[in-house]
Amino acid sequence: MPNPLFIAPHGNPLPQQLVRITALHRRALAILHPMPRTAKPLTSPRLLIQSSAIHAAGCITLDPIRRGQRILEYDGPRLSKNLADIRYAERMVTYLFGVGQGNEVIDGFGTGMFLNHSCDPNCETEDLRGHVYVIATRNIAAGEELVYEYNLYDSDLEDTCDCYCSAPQCRGTMFSDLEVKRRARAFARQGAAKKKA
């Protein structure tokens, strides 16, 4: 049987050696798009995942980033908080990001999961119509690690979530201020209950 000849979108036939079809591939359909004539300007900075002094791996920018610039979207599958609690009950590390009223989380799996916590952040997150974006809070030079305050909440009392950012104003925890207060009240109630017993 002769090999069919594919025609690229610009109208030229492709060389025979590029279009050989095996029995396994006969059902596949490929759409070939022409290459753009001019390169599009970069709208997002180039990012690099590498070792971090803060924690394991971090995300470094290869390009300068201006204050207020949207850097990336924290994206991944959406789960209910209850399902995520069950799914990750035995995991030490998760990349869950609470959205909306806290009943839904993003199970982050992508570049965003490599942004570390710091008490001296150069980024912050913004929830815009259900999409979570990482935004620069100041001008960031090429080569800097991208970091934001995690502001963790809804923890179990045995969780510690210590911070190792080494910033001069380090709070020692990745918990939000409200979570630190909630935990202090819970520990006080727990201590009072033990004294009564």
N, C-alpha and C. Protein backbone atom coordinates (compact mmCIF):
# COMPACT_ATOMS: atom_id res chain seq x y z
N MET A 1 0.85 -1.18 0.00
CA MET A 1 0.00 0.00 0.00
C MET A 1 0.89 1.24 0.00
N PRO A 2 0.67 2.21 -0.85
CA PRO A 2 1.51 3.40 -0.87
C PRO A 2 1.25 4.27 0.36
N ASN A 3 2.31 4.93 0.80
CA ASN A 3 2.16 5.84 1.94
C ASN A 3 1.39 7.08 1.51
N PRO A 4 0.40 7.49 2.30
CA PRO A 4 -0.30 8.72 1.95
C PRO A 4 0.63 9.92 2.12
N LEU A 5 0.35 10.96 1.43
CA LEU A 5 1.16 12.17 1.50
C LEU A 5 0.39 13.22 2.30
N PHE A 6 0.96 13.68 3.40
CA PHE A 6 0.32 14.71 4.21
C PHE A 6 0.68 16.07 3.65
N ILE A 7 -0.27 16.97 3.68
CA ILE A 7 -0.03 18.34 3.24
C ILE A 7 -0.02 19.24 4.46
N ALA A 8 1.06 19.96 4.65
CA ALA A 8 1.17 20.89 5.77
C ALA A 8 0.26 22.08 5.51
N PRO A 9 -0.13 22.86 6.56
CA PRO A 9 -1.05 23.98 6.36
C PRO A 9 -0.58 25.00 5.34
N HIS A 10 0.71 25.17 5.14
CA HIS A 10 1.19 26.16 4.18
C HIS A 10 1.13 25.64 2.75
N GLY A 11 0.67 24.38 2.54
CA GLY A 11 0.42 23.85 1.21
C GLY A 11 1.52 22.99 0.62
N ASN A 12 2.66 22.89 1.25
CA ASN A 12 3.77 22.09 0.72
C ASN A 12 3.68 20.67 1.25
N PRO A 13 3.93 19.66 0.40
CA PRO A 13 3.92 18.28 0.91
C PRO A 13 5.11 18.07 1.85
N LEU A 14 4.88 17.22 2.86
CA LEU A 14 5.96 16.87 3.78
C LEU A 14 6.82 15.79 3.15
N PRO A 15 8.10 15.74 3.45
CA PRO A 15 8.95 14.67 2.92
C PRO A 15 8.43 13.30 3.33
N GLN A 16 8.55 12.29 2.44
CA GLN A 16 8.04 10.95 2.69
C GLN A 16 8.56 10.37 4.01
N GLN A 17 9.85 10.63 4.33
CA GLN A 17 10.40 10.01 5.53
C GLN A 17 9.72 10.52 6.81
N LEU A 18 9.06 11.68 6.76
CA LEU A 18 8.38 12.22 7.94
C LEU A 18 6.95 11.73 8.07
N VAL A 19 6.41 11.12 7.03
CA VAL A 19 5.00 10.76 7.07
C VAL A 19 4.73 9.26 7.00
N ARG A 20 5.73 8.45 7.18
CA ARG A 20 5.51 7.01 7.15
C ARG A 20 4.52 6.65 8.26
N ILE A 21 3.55 5.86 7.88
CA ILE A 21 2.52 5.49 8.84
C ILE A 21 2.62 4.00 9.11
N THR A 22 2.71 3.64 10.35
CA THR A 22 2.71 2.23 10.73
C THR A 22 1.28 1.83 11.05
N ALA A 23 1.04 0.55 11.16
CA ALA A 23 -0.30 0.06 11.48
C ALA A 23 -0.78 0.65 12.81
N LEU A 24 0.14 0.84 13.73
CA LEU A 24 -0.20 1.38 15.04
C LEU A 24 -0.69 2.82 14.95
N HIS A 25 -0.19 3.57 14.00
CA HIS A 25 -0.51 4.99 13.92
C HIS A 25 -1.59 5.34 12.89
N ARG A 26 -2.18 4.35 12.23
CA ARG A 26 -3.13 4.64 11.15
C ARG A 26 -4.34 5.43 11.64
N ARG A 27 -4.74 5.26 12.91
CA ARG A 27 -5.92 5.94 13.42
C ARG A 27 -5.60 7.34 13.95
N ALA A 28 -4.34 7.68 14.05
CA ALA A 28 -3.96 8.99 14.58
C ALA A 28 -4.16 10.07 13.54
N LEU A 29 -4.51 11.24 13.99
CA LEU A 29 -4.68 12.39 13.12
C LEU A 29 -3.82 13.51 13.67
N ALA A 30 -3.00 14.10 12.85
CA ALA A 30 -2.14 15.19 13.30
C ALA A 30 -2.53 16.45 12.56
N ILE A 31 -2.55 17.54 13.27
CA ILE A 31 -2.77 18.84 12.66
C ILE A 31 -1.47 19.61 12.79
N LEU A 32 -0.94 20.00 11.67
CA LEU A 32 0.33 20.72 11.67
C LEU A 32 0.05 22.20 11.52
N HIS A 33 0.56 22.99 12.44
CA HIS A 33 0.36 24.44 12.41
C HIS A 33 1.63 25.11 11.90
N PRO A 34 1.49 26.15 11.10
CA PRO A 34 2.70 26.85 10.64
C PRO A 34 3.38 27.55 11.81
N MET A 35 4.69 27.68 11.73
CA MET A 35 5.44 28.40 12.74
C MET A 35 5.11 29.89 12.63
N PRO A 36 5.01 30.59 13.76
CA PRO A 36 4.74 32.02 13.67
C PRO A 36 5.90 32.73 12.98
N ARG A 37 5.57 33.77 12.25
CA ARG A 37 6.60 34.50 11.51
C ARG A 37 7.45 35.37 12.42
N THR A 38 6.85 35.89 13.48
CA THR A 38 7.63 36.69 14.44
C THR A 38 7.42 36.12 15.82
N ALA A 39 8.43 36.20 16.63
CA ALA A 39 8.32 35.69 17.99
C ALA A 39 7.44 36.62 18.81
N LYS A 40 6.59 36.04 19.65
CA LYS A 40 5.74 36.83 20.53
C LYS A 40 6.59 37.31 21.70
N PRO A 41 6.34 38.52 22.20
CA PRO A 41 7.08 38.98 23.37
C PRO A 41 6.69 38.14 24.59
N LEU A 42 7.64 37.90 25.45
CA LEU A 42 7.38 37.13 26.66
C LEU A 42 6.45 37.93 27.58
N THR A 43 5.37 37.32 28.00
CA THR A 43 4.48 37.98 28.94
C THR A 43 4.76 37.52 30.37
N SER A 44 5.36 36.37 30.51
CA SER A 44 5.74 35.85 31.82
C SER A 44 7.24 35.71 31.87
N PRO A 45 7.82 35.91 33.04
CA PRO A 45 9.28 35.76 33.13
C PRO A 45 9.69 34.30 33.01
N ARG A 46 10.90 34.09 32.55
CA ARG A 46 11.45 32.73 32.53
C ARG A 46 11.81 32.36 33.97
N LEU A 47 11.44 31.16 34.37
CA LEU A 47 11.66 30.71 35.75
C LEU A 47 12.50 29.44 35.74
N LEU A 48 13.28 29.26 36.81
CA LEU A 48 14.16 28.10 36.94
C LEU A 48 13.96 27.49 38.31
N ILE A 49 13.80 26.19 38.36
CA ILE A 49 13.71 25.46 39.63
C ILE A 49 15.10 24.97 39.96
N GLN A 50 15.57 25.33 41.16
CA GLN A 50 16.91 24.90 41.58
C GLN A 50 16.96 24.79 43.09
N SER A 51 18.08 24.32 43.62
CA SER A 51 18.25 24.20 45.07
C SER A 51 18.03 25.55 45.72
N SER A 52 17.47 25.52 46.93
CA SER A 52 17.15 26.75 47.65
C SER A 52 17.77 26.74 49.04
N ALA A 53 18.25 27.87 49.48
CA ALA A 53 18.78 28.00 50.84
C ALA A 53 17.65 27.96 51.86
N ILE A 54 16.42 28.25 51.42
CA ILE A 54 15.28 28.26 52.34
C ILE A 54 14.79 26.85 52.60
N HIS A 55 14.51 26.11 51.53
CA HIS A 55 13.97 24.76 51.69
C HIS A 55 14.06 24.00 50.37
N ALA A 56 14.77 22.93 50.37
CA ALA A 56 14.86 22.00 49.23
C ALA A 56 15.04 22.72 47.90
N ALA A 57 13.98 22.76 47.10
CA ALA A 57 14.05 23.43 45.79
C ALA A 57 13.26 24.72 45.85
N GLY A 58 13.68 25.68 45.06
CA GLY A 58 12.99 26.96 44.98
C GLY A 58 12.86 27.40 43.53
N CYS A 59 12.15 28.48 43.32
CA CYS A 59 11.90 29.01 41.99
C CYS A 59 12.64 30.34 41.85
N ILE A 60 13.55 30.40 40.89
CA ILE A 60 14.37 31.58 40.62
C ILE A 60 13.89 32.22 39.33
N THR A 61 13.86 33.55 39.29
CA THR A 61 13.52 34.22 38.04
C THR A 61 14.78 34.47 37.23
N LEU A 62 14.72 34.23 35.96
CA LEU A 62 15.84 34.50 35.06
C LEU A 62 15.73 35.89 34.44
N ASP A 63 14.58 36.53 34.63
CA ASP A 63 14.33 37.85 34.07
C ASP A 63 13.93 38.81 35.18
N PRO A 64 14.21 40.09 35.03
CA PRO A 64 13.70 41.06 36.00
C PRO A 64 12.17 41.07 35.96
N ILE A 65 11.57 41.29 37.10
CA ILE A 65 10.11 41.34 37.21
C ILE A 65 9.74 42.67 37.86
N ARG A 66 8.79 43.37 37.28
CA ARG A 66 8.40 44.66 37.84
C ARG A 66 7.32 44.48 38.90
N ARG A 67 7.29 45.39 39.84
CA ARG A 67 6.28 45.39 40.90
C ARG A 67 4.89 45.35 40.28
N GLY A 68 4.02 44.48 40.81
CA GLY A 68 2.66 44.36 40.32
C GLY A 68 2.48 43.40 39.16
N GLN A 69 3.58 42.88 38.62
CA GLN A 69 3.48 41.96 37.48
C GLN A 69 2.96 40.61 37.93
N ARG A 70 2.03 40.06 37.14
CA ARG A 70 1.55 38.70 37.39
C ARG A 70 2.61 37.74 36.89
N ILE A 71 3.06 36.84 37.77
CA ILE A 71 4.17 35.94 37.45
C ILE A 71 3.68 34.58 36.96
N LEU A 72 2.74 33.99 37.69
CA LEU A 72 2.23 32.68 37.32
C LEU A 72 0.90 32.45 38.00
N GLU A 73 0.20 31.43 37.53
CA GLU A 73 -1.04 31.00 38.18
C GLU A 73 -0.75 29.74 38.97
N TYR A 74 -1.20 29.74 40.23
CA TYR A 74 -1.11 28.53 41.05
C TYR A 74 -2.27 27.65 40.62
N ASP A 75 -1.97 26.58 39.90
CA ASP A 75 -3.03 25.82 39.27
C ASP A 75 -2.88 24.34 39.57
N GLY A 76 -3.96 23.64 39.40
CA GLY A 76 -3.99 22.20 39.60
C GLY A 76 -5.42 21.76 39.78
N PRO A 77 -5.63 20.47 40.03
CA PRO A 77 -6.99 19.97 40.24
C PRO A 77 -7.63 20.65 41.45
N ARG A 78 -8.94 20.87 41.37
CA ARG A 78 -9.72 21.45 42.48
C ARG A 78 -10.35 20.31 43.26
N LEU A 79 -10.23 20.39 44.58
CA LEU A 79 -10.81 19.38 45.46
C LEU A 79 -11.56 20.07 46.58
N SER A 80 -12.54 19.38 47.14
CA SER A 80 -13.15 19.91 48.36
C SER A 80 -12.12 19.77 49.48
N LYS A 81 -12.21 20.65 50.46
CA LYS A 81 -11.28 20.58 51.58
C LYS A 81 -11.40 19.24 52.30
N ASN A 82 -12.61 18.74 52.43
CA ASN A 82 -12.82 17.45 53.12
C ASN A 82 -12.14 16.30 52.38
N LEU A 83 -12.27 16.27 51.05
CA LEU A 83 -11.61 15.22 50.27
C LEU A 83 -10.09 15.35 50.38
N ALA A 84 -9.58 16.57 50.33
CA ALA A 84 -8.13 16.77 50.46
C ALA A 84 -7.63 16.31 51.83
N ASP A 85 -8.41 16.59 52.88
CA ASP A 85 -8.02 16.14 54.24
C ASP A 85 -7.91 14.62 54.30
N ILE A 86 -8.84 13.93 53.65
CA ILE A 86 -8.81 12.47 53.63
C ILE A 86 -7.65 11.97 52.78
N ARG A 87 -7.53 12.52 51.56
CA ARG A 87 -6.51 12.07 50.61
C ARG A 87 -5.10 12.25 51.15
N TYR A 88 -4.86 13.34 51.87
CA TYR A 88 -3.50 13.66 52.30
C TYR A 88 -3.29 13.53 53.81
N ALA A 89 -4.13 12.77 54.47
CA ALA A 89 -4.05 12.62 55.93
C ALA A 89 -2.69 12.12 56.40
N GLU A 90 -2.06 11.26 55.64
CA GLU A 90 -0.79 10.67 56.05
C GLU A 90 0.43 11.32 55.41
N ARG A 91 0.24 12.36 54.62
CA ARG A 91 1.36 13.01 53.93
C ARG A 91 1.96 14.11 54.79
N MET A 92 3.27 14.18 54.81
CA MET A 92 3.97 15.24 55.55
C MET A 92 3.97 16.55 54.76
N VAL A 93 4.02 16.45 53.43
CA VAL A 93 4.11 17.64 52.58
C VAL A 93 2.97 17.61 51.58
N THR A 94 2.27 18.74 51.49
CA THR A 94 1.23 18.89 50.47
C THR A 94 1.41 20.25 49.81
N TYR A 95 0.77 20.43 48.69
CA TYR A 95 0.82 21.70 47.97
C TYR A 95 -0.61 22.20 47.75
N LEU A 96 -1.39 22.20 48.82
CA LEU A 96 -2.78 22.60 48.76
C LEU A 96 -2.90 24.10 49.00
N PHE A 97 -3.72 24.74 48.20
CA PHE A 97 -3.92 26.19 48.31
C PHE A 97 -5.42 26.43 48.45
N GLY A 98 -5.84 26.96 49.60
CA GLY A 98 -7.25 27.23 49.83
C GLY A 98 -7.75 28.39 48.99
N VAL A 99 -8.94 28.24 48.40
CA VAL A 99 -9.53 29.30 47.59
C VAL A 99 -10.96 29.57 48.05
N GLY A 100 -11.44 30.73 47.71
CA GLY A 100 -12.82 31.09 48.04
C GLY A 100 -13.01 31.18 49.54
N GLN A 101 -14.07 30.57 50.02
CA GLN A 101 -14.41 30.60 51.44
C GLN A 101 -13.71 29.50 52.24
N GLY A 102 -12.75 28.83 51.63
CA GLY A 102 -11.98 27.80 52.33
C GLY A 102 -12.55 26.40 52.21
N ASN A 103 -13.62 26.23 51.43
CA ASN A 103 -14.19 24.90 51.26
C ASN A 103 -13.61 24.16 50.07
N GLU A 104 -12.78 24.86 49.29
CA GLU A 104 -12.16 24.26 48.10
C GLU A 104 -10.66 24.54 48.15
N VAL A 105 -9.88 23.58 47.65
CA VAL A 105 -8.43 23.76 47.58
C VAL A 105 -7.94 23.43 46.18
N ILE A 106 -6.82 24.04 45.82
CA ILE A 106 -6.12 23.68 44.59
C ILE A 106 -5.01 22.74 44.99
N ASP A 107 -4.98 21.58 44.36
CA ASP A 107 -3.91 20.61 44.60
C ASP A 107 -2.80 20.97 43.62
N GLY A 108 -1.94 21.89 44.03
CA GLY A 108 -0.93 22.46 43.16
C GLY A 108 0.10 21.46 42.69
N PHE A 109 0.31 21.43 41.41
CA PHE A 109 1.34 20.58 40.83
C PHE A 109 1.85 21.31 39.60
N GLY A 110 2.91 22.03 39.78
CA GLY A 110 3.47 22.83 38.70
C GLY A 110 4.51 23.76 39.28
N THR A 111 4.83 24.79 38.56
CA THR A 111 5.87 25.72 39.00
C THR A 111 5.53 26.34 40.35
N GLY A 112 4.26 26.68 40.56
CA GLY A 112 3.85 27.33 41.80
C GLY A 112 4.20 26.55 43.06
N MET A 113 4.26 25.24 42.96
CA MET A 113 4.57 24.44 44.15
C MET A 113 6.02 24.62 44.61
N PHE A 114 6.86 25.22 43.78
CA PHE A 114 8.25 25.41 44.15
C PHE A 114 8.54 26.79 44.75
N LEU A 115 7.53 27.64 44.87
CA LEU A 115 7.74 28.92 45.53
C LEU A 115 7.73 28.68 47.03
N ASN A 116 8.80 29.05 47.69
CA ASN A 116 8.94 28.83 49.12
C ASN A 116 8.31 29.96 49.92
N HIS A 117 8.09 29.67 51.20
CA HIS A 117 7.59 30.66 52.15
C HIS A 117 8.75 31.54 52.61
N SER A 118 8.47 32.80 52.85
CA SER A 118 9.42 33.70 53.49
C SER A 118 8.65 34.75 54.26
N CYS A 119 9.19 35.13 55.41
CA CYS A 119 8.61 36.23 56.19
C CYS A 119 9.00 37.58 55.61
N ASP A 120 9.87 37.59 54.60
CA ASP A 120 10.25 38.80 53.86
C ASP A 120 9.97 38.53 52.38
N PRO A 121 8.68 38.48 52.01
CA PRO A 121 8.31 38.04 50.66
C PRO A 121 8.57 39.11 49.60
N ASN A 122 8.75 38.63 48.36
CA ASN A 122 8.81 39.55 47.22
C ASN A 122 7.58 39.34 46.32
N CYS A 123 6.70 38.44 46.73
CA CYS A 123 5.47 38.14 45.99
C CYS A 123 4.32 38.00 46.96
N GLU A 124 3.12 38.03 46.42
CA GLU A 124 1.91 37.72 47.17
C GLU A 124 0.96 37.00 46.23
N THR A 125 -0.07 36.40 46.80
CA THR A 125 -1.05 35.72 45.97
C THR A 125 -2.31 36.56 45.90
N GLU A 126 -3.02 36.39 44.80
CA GLU A 126 -4.27 37.12 44.58
C GLU A 126 -5.29 36.14 44.00
N ASP A 127 -6.44 36.06 44.64
CA ASP A 127 -7.52 35.21 44.17
C ASP A 127 -8.43 36.09 43.32
N LEU A 128 -8.43 35.84 42.02
CA LEU A 128 -9.21 36.63 41.09
C LEU A 128 -10.21 35.73 40.38
N ARG A 129 -11.46 35.81 40.78
CA ARG A 129 -12.54 35.00 40.20
C ARG A 129 -12.18 33.50 40.18
N GLY A 130 -11.66 33.02 41.30
CA GLY A 130 -11.36 31.60 41.42
C GLY A 130 -10.01 31.17 40.89
N HIS A 131 -9.24 32.10 40.32
CA HIS A 131 -7.89 31.80 39.85
C HIS A 131 -6.91 32.45 40.82
N VAL A 132 -5.90 31.70 41.23
CA VAL A 132 -4.90 32.22 42.16
C VAL A 132 -3.64 32.56 41.39
N TYR A 133 -3.25 33.82 41.45
CA TYR A 133 -2.07 34.31 40.76
C TYR A 133 -1.01 34.74 41.76
N VAL A 134 0.24 34.54 41.40
CA VAL A 134 1.37 35.04 42.17
C VAL A 134 1.79 36.35 41.52
N ILE A 135 1.84 37.42 42.33
CA ILE A 135 2.11 38.78 41.85
C ILE A 135 3.34 39.31 42.58
N ALA A 136 4.18 40.05 41.89
CA ALA A 136 5.37 40.66 42.51
C ALA A 136 4.94 41.85 43.38
N THR A 137 5.42 41.90 44.63
CA THR A 137 5.10 43.01 45.52
C THR A 137 6.14 44.12 45.45
N ARG A 138 7.23 43.84 44.76
CA ARG A 138 8.29 44.84 44.55
C ARG A 138 9.02 44.45 43.28
N ASN A 139 9.90 45.30 42.79
CA ASN A 139 10.74 44.94 41.66
C ASN A 139 11.66 43.80 42.09
N ILE A 140 11.77 42.79 41.25
CA ILE A 140 12.58 41.60 41.57
C ILE A 140 13.65 41.48 40.50
N ALA A 141 14.89 41.36 40.94
CA ALA A 141 16.01 41.25 40.00
C ALA A 141 16.15 39.83 39.49
N ALA A 142 16.70 39.70 38.29
CA ALA A 142 17.00 38.37 37.75
C ALA A 142 17.92 37.65 38.73
N GLY A 143 17.67 36.38 38.96
CA GLY A 143 18.48 35.58 39.87
C GLY A 143 17.91 35.48 41.28
N GLU A 144 16.89 36.26 41.61
CA GLU A 144 16.28 36.20 42.94
C GLU A 144 15.30 35.04 43.03
N GLU A 145 15.22 34.46 44.21
CA GLU A 145 14.22 33.42 44.46
C GLU A 145 12.87 34.09 44.71
N LEU A 146 11.82 33.53 44.12
CA LEU A 146 10.47 34.03 44.32
C LEU A 146 9.88 33.40 45.57
N VAL A 147 9.40 34.24 46.50
CA VAL A 147 8.88 33.75 47.77
C VAL A 147 7.65 34.56 48.17
N TYR A 148 6.75 33.93 48.89
CA TYR A 148 5.59 34.63 49.44
C TYR A 148 5.27 34.04 50.80
N GLU A 149 4.45 34.76 51.58
CA GLU A 149 4.04 34.25 52.89
C GLU A 149 2.92 33.24 52.68
N TYR A 150 3.11 32.03 53.19
CA TYR A 150 2.11 30.99 53.00
C TYR A 150 0.83 31.29 53.78
N ASN A 151 0.95 31.87 54.97
CA ASN A 151 -0.24 32.16 55.80
C ASN A 151 -1.11 30.92 55.95
N LEU A 152 -0.50 29.83 56.38
CA LEU A 152 -1.21 28.57 56.54
C LEU A 152 -2.30 28.70 57.61
N TYR A 153 -3.36 27.94 57.45
CA TYR A 153 -4.46 27.97 58.41
C TYR A 153 -5.06 26.57 58.50
N ASP A 154 -5.98 26.39 59.44
CA ASP A 154 -6.72 25.14 59.56
C ASP A 154 -5.81 23.95 59.85
N SER A 155 -4.87 24.15 60.76
CA SER A 155 -3.91 23.08 61.06
C SER A 155 -4.38 22.23 62.23
N ASP A 156 -3.81 21.05 62.32
CA ASP A 156 -3.98 20.23 63.51
C ASP A 156 -2.99 20.72 64.56
N LEU A 157 -3.30 20.54 65.82
CA LEU A 157 -2.44 21.08 66.88
C LEU A 157 -1.05 20.46 66.89
N GLU A 158 -0.92 19.23 66.40
CA GLU A 158 0.42 18.61 66.39
C GLU A 158 1.29 19.13 65.24
N ASP A 159 0.71 19.86 64.29
CA ASP A 159 1.49 20.44 63.19
C ASP A 159 2.36 21.57 63.72
N THR A 160 3.58 21.68 63.20
CA THR A 160 4.46 22.76 63.64
C THR A 160 4.65 23.82 62.57
N CYS A 161 4.93 23.44 61.36
CA CYS A 161 5.11 24.37 60.23
C CYS A 161 6.10 25.48 60.56
N ASP A 162 7.28 25.08 61.02
CA ASP A 162 8.33 26.05 61.34
C ASP A 162 8.84 26.72 60.08
N CYS A 163 9.30 27.95 60.23
CA CYS A 163 9.85 28.71 59.11
C CYS A 163 11.37 28.74 59.21
N TYR A 164 12.02 28.57 58.08
CA TYR A 164 13.48 28.58 58.02
C TYR A 164 13.99 29.61 57.02
N CYS A 165 13.23 30.70 56.84
CA CYS A 165 13.58 31.66 55.80
C CYS A 165 14.81 32.50 56.15
N SER A 166 15.15 32.60 57.42
CA SER A 166 16.32 33.36 57.89
C SER A 166 16.22 34.86 57.65
N ALA A 167 15.02 35.36 57.38
CA ALA A 167 14.84 36.81 57.22
C ALA A 167 15.03 37.47 58.58
N PRO A 168 15.56 38.71 58.63
CA PRO A 168 15.73 39.40 59.92
C PRO A 168 14.45 39.46 60.74
N GLN A 169 13.29 39.61 60.09
CA GLN A 169 12.02 39.69 60.80
C GLN A 169 11.26 38.36 60.79
N CYS A 170 11.97 37.23 60.67
CA CYS A 170 11.34 35.92 60.61
C CYS A 170 10.44 35.70 61.83
N ARG A 171 9.20 35.26 61.58
CA ARG A 171 8.24 34.99 62.66
C ARG A 171 8.40 33.58 63.23
N GLY A 172 9.20 32.74 62.55
CA GLY A 172 9.43 31.39 63.03
C GLY A 172 8.35 30.39 62.64
N THR A 173 7.33 30.82 61.95
CA THR A 173 6.24 29.94 61.57
C THR A 173 5.70 30.34 60.20
N MET A 174 5.13 29.37 59.51
CA MET A 174 4.46 29.64 58.24
C MET A 174 2.96 29.85 58.42
N PHE A 175 2.47 29.74 59.67
CA PHE A 175 1.05 29.97 59.95
C PHE A 175 0.71 31.45 59.82
N SER A 176 -0.53 31.73 59.46
CA SER A 176 -1.02 33.11 59.44
C SER A 176 -1.11 33.62 60.88
N ASP A 177 -1.17 34.93 61.05
CA ASP A 177 -1.31 35.50 62.39
C ASP A 177 -2.59 35.01 63.06
N LEU A 178 -3.69 34.93 62.29
CA LEU A 178 -4.95 34.43 62.85
C LEU A 178 -4.83 32.98 63.30
N GLU A 179 -4.10 32.16 62.53
CA GLU A 179 -3.92 30.76 62.89
C GLU A 179 -3.06 30.62 64.14
N VAL A 180 -2.04 31.48 64.29
CA VAL A 180 -1.20 31.46 65.50
C VAL A 180 -2.07 31.75 66.72
N LYS A 181 -2.97 32.74 66.61
CA LYS A 181 -3.86 33.08 67.73
C LYS A 181 -4.85 31.95 68.01
N ARG A 182 -5.41 31.35 66.95
CA ARG A 182 -6.35 30.24 67.13
C ARG A 182 -5.68 29.07 67.83
N ARG A 183 -4.45 28.78 67.42
CA ARG A 183 -3.71 27.67 68.02
C ARG A 183 -3.39 27.96 69.49
N ALA A 184 -3.03 29.21 69.81
CA ALA A 184 -2.73 29.58 71.20
C ALA A 184 -3.97 29.36 72.08
N ARG A 185 -5.14 29.77 71.58
CA ARG A 185 -6.38 29.54 72.35
C ARG A 185 -6.65 28.05 72.52
N ALA A 186 -6.45 27.27 71.46
CA ALA A 186 -6.69 25.82 71.53
C ALA A 186 -5.74 25.15 72.51
N PHE A 187 -4.46 25.55 72.49
CA PHE A 187 -3.50 25.00 73.45
C PHE A 187 -3.87 25.39 74.88
N ALA A 188 -4.34 26.62 75.07
CA ALA A 188 -4.75 27.07 76.41
C ALA A 188 -5.93 26.24 76.91
N ARG A 189 -6.92 26.00 76.04
CA ARG A 189 -8.07 25.16 76.42
C ARG A 189 -7.61 23.74 76.75
N GLN A 190 -6.68 23.23 75.94
CA GLN A 190 -6.17 21.88 76.15
C GLN A 190 -5.45 21.79 77.50
N GLY A 191 -4.65 22.81 77.82
CA GLY A 191 -3.92 22.84 79.09
C GLY A 191 -4.86 22.94 80.28
N ALA A 192 -5.92 23.76 80.15
CA ALA A 192 -6.89 23.91 81.22
C ALA A 192 -7.64 22.61 81.46
N ALA A 193 -7.97 21.90 80.37
CA ALA A 193 -8.67 20.63 80.51
C ALA A 193 -7.81 19.59 81.22
N LYS A 194 -6.49 19.60 80.94
CA LYS A 194 -5.59 18.65 81.59
C LYS A 194 -5.47 18.94 83.08
N LYS A 195 -5.47 20.22 83.45
CA LYS A 195 -5.36 20.59 84.88
C LYS A 195 -6.59 20.14 85.65
N LYS A 196 -7.76 20.20 85.02
CA LYS A 196 -9.01 19.76 85.67
C LYS A 196 -9.05 18.25 85.84
N ALA A 197 -8.39 17.54 84.96
CA ALA A 197 -8.46 16.06 84.98
C ALA A 197 -7.60 15.46 86.03
